[in-house]
């Protein structure tokens, strides 16, 4: 199956999702700190 033979793509998708979440939380924290 292609899903099992290409785990790197899933790792990349998960890494991108985590990065977006972290950046969102940091941006929210900065806005909250400046408020």
Protein backbone atom coordinates (compact mmCIF):
# COMPACT_ATOMS: atom_id res chain seq x y z
CA UNK A 1 0.00 0.00 0.00
CA UNK A 2 1.20 3.50 -0.77
CA UNK A 3 0.26 4.73 2.72
CA UNK A 4 2.69 2.28 4.30
CA UNK A 5 5.43 2.60 1.68
CA UNK A 6 5.56 6.40 2.07
CA UNK A 7 5.68 7.19 5.80
CA UNK A 8 7.85 10.26 5.15
CA UNK A 9 4.89 12.09 3.61
CA UNK A 10 2.80 11.43 6.72
CA UNK A 11 5.68 12.59 8.95
CA UNK A 12 5.94 15.76 6.89
CA UNK A 13 2.18 16.42 7.15
CA UNK A 14 2.23 15.85 10.92
CA UNK A 15 5.30 18.07 11.31
CA UNK A 16 3.64 20.85 9.30
CA UNK A 17 0.45 20.60 11.38
CA UNK A 18 2.44 20.75 14.64
CA UNK A 19 4.47 23.71 13.35
CA UNK A 20 1.29 25.62 12.43
CA UNK A 21 -0.21 24.88 15.85
CA UNK A 22 2.94 26.03 17.66
CA UNK A 23 3.19 29.21 15.59
CA UNK A 24 -0.50 29.92 16.27
CA UNK A 25 -0.06 29.50 20.03
CA UNK A 26 3.09 31.70 20.01
CA UNK A 27 1.28 34.41 18.02
CA UNK A 28 -1.67 34.26 20.43
CA UNK A 29 0.68 34.47 23.43
CA UNK A 30 2.44 37.51 21.95
CA UNK A 31 -0.86 39.29 21.29
CA UNK A 32 -2.08 38.42 24.81
CA UNK A 33 1.18 39.68 26.34
CA UNK A 34 0.99 42.97 24.41
CA UNK A 35 -2.70 43.52 25.19
